[in-house]
Amino acid sequence: MIKAYIDFWKRAFDFRGRSTRPDFWWTYLVNVIIMTILVVFCILIPLFSNVDFNDPALLNNPAELRQLIMGYAWPVMLFGLIELIP
C-alpha cells in the first residue's frame, strides 16, 4: 500500500507505461483516509476551541462565519489542490 502511494507521487508526470489496478485503488484509499483525517480535525478543532457557535452575532454574520470556516479548512483545500496535480 505504501509503495503504491509513493509510486503515485514519484511517477505523477511519467506518461510512459501504465499503473496497475491495485496501485490505483491503494492510492485512492490512502487519499480518502488522509482527506477524512483532515476533515475530522478541521471540524473538531473549532468545536473544542473557544468559538461560541450559539452566538447569534456569529451565525447571522455570513462574512465572519465564512472567515471562521476558511481559517480552519485551509489544510483540506491545500491537500485537495496538491492531490489534483498528479
N, C-alpha and C. Protein backbone atom coordinates (compact mmCIF):
# COMPACT_ATOMS: atom_id res chain seq x y z
N MET A 1 0.83 -1.19 0.00
CA MET A 1 0.00 0.00 0.00
C MET A 1 0.88 1.25 0.00
N ILE A 2 1.85 1.30 0.88
CA ILE A 2 2.72 2.47 0.96
C ILE A 2 3.55 2.61 -0.32
N LYS A 3 4.02 1.49 -0.85
CA LYS A 3 4.80 1.53 -2.08
C LYS A 3 3.98 2.10 -3.24
N ALA A 4 2.72 1.71 -3.32
CA ALA A 4 1.84 2.21 -4.38
C ALA A 4 1.64 3.72 -4.23
N TYR A 5 1.51 4.19 -3.01
CA TYR A 5 1.29 5.62 -2.79
C TYR A 5 2.55 6.43 -3.09
N ILE A 6 3.70 5.90 -2.72
CA ILE A 6 4.96 6.58 -3.04
C ILE A 6 5.18 6.61 -4.55
N ASP A 7 4.88 5.50 -5.21
CA ASP A 7 5.00 5.46 -6.68
C ASP A 7 4.06 6.45 -7.34
N PHE A 8 2.88 6.65 -6.76
CA PHE A 8 1.93 7.63 -7.29
C PHE A 8 2.55 9.02 -7.35
N TRP A 9 3.23 9.42 -6.29
CA TRP A 9 3.83 10.75 -6.27
C TRP A 9 5.12 10.81 -7.09
N LYS A 10 5.88 9.73 -7.11
CA LYS A 10 7.13 9.73 -7.89
C LYS A 10 6.86 9.74 -9.39
N ARG A 11 5.86 8.99 -9.81
CA ARG A 11 5.58 8.84 -11.23
C ARG A 11 4.38 9.67 -11.69
N ALA A 12 4.15 10.78 -11.05
CA ALA A 12 2.97 11.59 -11.34
C ALA A 12 2.98 12.11 -12.78
N PHE A 13 4.12 12.45 -13.31
CA PHE A 13 4.19 13.02 -14.66
C PHE A 13 4.93 12.10 -15.63
N ASP A 14 5.02 10.85 -15.28
CA ASP A 14 5.62 9.86 -16.17
C ASP A 14 4.49 9.23 -16.98
N PHE A 15 4.37 9.64 -18.24
CA PHE A 15 3.24 9.20 -19.06
C PHE A 15 3.57 7.95 -19.87
N ARG A 16 4.72 7.36 -19.63
CA ARG A 16 5.06 6.11 -20.28
C ARG A 16 4.67 4.97 -19.36
N GLY A 17 4.16 3.93 -19.91
CA GLY A 17 3.78 2.78 -19.10
C GLY A 17 2.40 2.95 -18.49
N ARG A 18 2.05 2.02 -17.66
CA ARG A 18 0.74 2.02 -17.04
C ARG A 18 0.85 1.71 -15.56
N SER A 19 -0.17 2.09 -14.88
CA SER A 19 -0.30 1.73 -13.48
C SER A 19 -1.23 0.53 -13.38
N THR A 20 -1.00 -0.30 -12.40
CA THR A 20 -1.87 -1.46 -12.24
C THR A 20 -3.14 -1.05 -11.50
N ARG A 21 -4.13 -1.88 -11.60
CA ARG A 21 -5.40 -1.60 -10.93
C ARG A 21 -5.25 -1.54 -9.42
N PRO A 22 -4.51 -2.49 -8.80
CA PRO A 22 -4.32 -2.37 -7.34
C PRO A 22 -3.57 -1.11 -6.94
N ASP A 23 -2.60 -0.69 -7.73
CA ASP A 23 -1.88 0.56 -7.42
C ASP A 23 -2.84 1.75 -7.41
N PHE A 24 -3.74 1.79 -8.37
CA PHE A 24 -4.72 2.88 -8.42
C PHE A 24 -5.60 2.88 -7.18
N TRP A 25 -6.13 1.71 -6.83
CA TRP A 25 -7.07 1.66 -5.72
C TRP A 25 -6.39 1.84 -4.37
N TRP A 26 -5.15 1.39 -4.21
CA TRP A 26 -4.44 1.66 -2.96
C TRP A 26 -4.19 3.15 -2.79
N THR A 27 -3.81 3.80 -3.88
CA THR A 27 -3.58 5.24 -3.83
C THR A 27 -4.88 5.98 -3.51
N TYR A 28 -5.95 5.55 -4.13
CA TYR A 28 -7.26 6.16 -3.87
C TYR A 28 -7.64 5.99 -2.39
N LEU A 29 -7.43 4.80 -1.84
CA LEU A 29 -7.75 4.54 -0.45
C LEU A 29 -6.94 5.42 0.49
N VAL A 30 -5.64 5.54 0.23
CA VAL A 30 -4.80 6.38 1.09
C VAL A 30 -5.23 7.85 1.00
N ASN A 31 -5.57 8.32 -0.19
CA ASN A 31 -6.03 9.69 -0.34
C ASN A 31 -7.35 9.92 0.41
N VAL A 32 -8.24 8.96 0.38
CA VAL A 32 -9.50 9.08 1.11
C VAL A 32 -9.25 9.10 2.62
N ILE A 33 -8.33 8.27 3.09
CA ILE A 33 -8.00 8.24 4.51
C ILE A 33 -7.39 9.57 4.95
N ILE A 34 -6.46 10.09 4.18
CA ILE A 34 -5.83 11.37 4.52
C ILE A 34 -6.86 12.49 4.52
N MET A 35 -7.72 12.53 3.52
CA MET A 35 -8.73 13.58 3.45
C MET A 35 -9.73 13.46 4.61
N THR A 36 -10.09 12.24 4.98
CA THR A 36 -11.01 12.05 6.10
C THR A 36 -10.40 12.54 7.40
N ILE A 37 -9.14 12.22 7.62
CA ILE A 37 -8.46 12.69 8.83
C ILE A 37 -8.40 14.21 8.86
N LEU A 38 -8.07 14.82 7.74
CA LEU A 38 -8.01 16.28 7.69
C LEU A 38 -9.36 16.91 7.96
N VAL A 39 -10.41 16.37 7.37
CA VAL A 39 -11.76 16.92 7.57
C VAL A 39 -12.19 16.76 9.02
N VAL A 40 -11.93 15.62 9.61
CA VAL A 40 -12.32 15.40 11.00
C VAL A 40 -11.59 16.40 11.91
N PHE A 41 -10.31 16.58 11.71
CA PHE A 41 -9.58 17.53 12.54
C PHE A 41 -10.02 18.96 12.29
N CYS A 42 -10.35 19.29 11.06
CA CYS A 42 -10.80 20.66 10.77
C CYS A 42 -12.19 20.92 11.33
N ILE A 43 -12.95 19.88 11.60
CA ILE A 43 -14.25 20.05 12.25
C ILE A 43 -14.09 20.05 13.77
N LEU A 44 -13.22 19.20 14.29
CA LEU A 44 -13.07 19.08 15.73
C LEU A 44 -12.33 20.26 16.36
N ILE A 45 -11.38 20.83 15.66
CA ILE A 45 -10.61 21.94 16.23
C ILE A 45 -11.50 23.12 16.59
N PRO A 46 -12.38 23.59 15.70
CA PRO A 46 -13.25 24.70 16.12
C PRO A 46 -14.24 24.32 17.21
N LEU A 47 -14.68 23.05 17.24
CA LEU A 47 -15.63 22.65 18.28
C LEU A 47 -15.02 22.68 19.67
N PHE A 48 -13.73 22.37 19.77
CA PHE A 48 -13.07 22.36 21.07
C PHE A 48 -12.32 23.65 21.37
N SER A 49 -12.37 24.60 20.47
CA SER A 49 -11.73 25.89 20.73
C SER A 49 -12.74 26.78 21.47
N ASN A 50 -12.38 28.00 21.65
CA ASN A 50 -13.24 28.91 22.41
C ASN A 50 -14.25 29.64 21.54
N VAL A 51 -14.59 29.10 20.37
CA VAL A 51 -15.57 29.72 19.49
C VAL A 51 -16.96 29.37 20.00
N ASP A 52 -17.80 30.38 20.17
CA ASP A 52 -19.17 30.17 20.64
C ASP A 52 -20.10 30.11 19.44
N PHE A 53 -20.50 28.89 19.06
CA PHE A 53 -21.36 28.72 17.90
C PHE A 53 -22.81 29.04 18.21
N ASN A 54 -23.15 29.26 19.46
CA ASN A 54 -24.51 29.66 19.83
C ASN A 54 -24.69 31.17 19.81
N ASP A 55 -23.63 31.89 19.51
CA ASP A 55 -23.69 33.34 19.45
C ASP A 55 -24.47 33.77 18.21
N PRO A 56 -25.59 34.45 18.37
CA PRO A 56 -26.37 34.86 17.19
C PRO A 56 -25.62 35.84 16.30
N ALA A 57 -24.70 36.61 16.87
CA ALA A 57 -23.93 37.55 16.05
C ALA A 57 -23.04 36.79 15.06
N LEU A 58 -22.51 35.67 15.48
CA LEU A 58 -21.66 34.86 14.59
C LEU A 58 -22.51 34.19 13.51
N LEU A 59 -23.63 33.63 13.92
CA LEU A 59 -24.46 32.89 12.98
C LEU A 59 -25.19 33.80 11.98
N ASN A 60 -25.43 35.03 12.35
CA ASN A 60 -26.13 35.96 11.45
C ASN A 60 -25.18 36.79 10.59
N ASN A 61 -23.88 36.63 10.80
CA ASN A 61 -22.90 37.38 10.04
C ASN A 61 -22.18 36.41 9.09
N PRO A 62 -22.62 36.35 7.83
CA PRO A 62 -22.01 35.38 6.92
C PRO A 62 -20.53 35.62 6.67
N ALA A 63 -20.08 36.86 6.69
CA ALA A 63 -18.67 37.14 6.43
C ALA A 63 -17.80 36.59 7.56
N GLU A 64 -18.25 36.75 8.80
CA GLU A 64 -17.47 36.25 9.93
C GLU A 64 -17.50 34.72 9.98
N LEU A 65 -18.63 34.14 9.66
CA LEU A 65 -18.75 32.69 9.63
C LEU A 65 -17.88 32.10 8.52
N ARG A 66 -17.86 32.74 7.36
CA ARG A 66 -17.02 32.29 6.25
C ARG A 66 -15.55 32.39 6.62
N GLN A 67 -15.17 33.47 7.30
CA GLN A 67 -13.78 33.64 7.72
C GLN A 67 -13.39 32.55 8.73
N LEU A 68 -14.30 32.19 9.62
CA LEU A 68 -14.03 31.14 10.59
C LEU A 68 -13.85 29.79 9.89
N ILE A 69 -14.71 29.48 8.95
CA ILE A 69 -14.62 28.22 8.22
C ILE A 69 -13.34 28.16 7.40
N MET A 70 -13.03 29.22 6.69
CA MET A 70 -11.82 29.24 5.86
C MET A 70 -10.56 29.18 6.74
N GLY A 71 -10.63 29.72 7.93
CA GLY A 71 -9.48 29.68 8.83
C GLY A 71 -9.12 28.27 9.26
N TYR A 72 -10.12 27.43 9.36
CA TYR A 72 -9.86 26.06 9.81
C TYR A 72 -9.85 25.05 8.67
N ALA A 73 -10.37 25.39 7.50
CA ALA A 73 -10.48 24.43 6.40
C ALA A 73 -9.33 24.51 5.41
N TRP A 74 -8.36 25.37 5.63
CA TRP A 74 -7.29 25.52 4.63
C TRP A 74 -6.45 24.25 4.46
N PRO A 75 -6.22 23.40 5.47
CA PRO A 75 -5.45 22.17 5.18
C PRO A 75 -6.17 21.24 4.21
N VAL A 76 -7.49 21.15 4.32
CA VAL A 76 -8.26 20.29 3.42
C VAL A 76 -8.17 20.82 1.99
N MET A 77 -8.33 22.12 1.84
CA MET A 77 -8.28 22.71 0.50
C MET A 77 -6.88 22.59 -0.10
N LEU A 78 -5.85 22.79 0.71
CA LEU A 78 -4.49 22.70 0.21
C LEU A 78 -4.17 21.28 -0.25
N PHE A 79 -4.53 20.28 0.55
CA PHE A 79 -4.27 18.90 0.15
C PHE A 79 -5.08 18.54 -1.10
N GLY A 80 -6.31 19.02 -1.19
CA GLY A 80 -7.12 18.76 -2.37
C GLY A 80 -6.50 19.33 -3.63
N LEU A 81 -5.94 20.53 -3.55
CA LEU A 81 -5.30 21.13 -4.72
C LEU A 81 -4.01 20.40 -5.09
N ILE A 82 -3.23 20.04 -4.09
CA ILE A 82 -1.99 19.33 -4.36
C ILE A 82 -2.28 17.95 -4.95
N GLU A 83 -3.34 17.33 -4.46
CA GLU A 83 -3.72 15.99 -4.95
C GLU A 83 -4.22 16.03 -6.38
N LEU A 84 -4.77 17.15 -6.81
CA LEU A 84 -5.26 17.27 -8.19
C LEU A 84 -4.14 17.35 -9.22
N ILE A 85 -2.97 17.79 -8.83
CA ILE A 85 -1.88 17.99 -9.79
C ILE A 85 -1.49 16.68 -10.46
N PRO A 86 -1.21 15.61 -9.74
CA PRO A 86 -0.85 14.37 -10.46
C PRO A 86 -2.07 13.72 -11.04
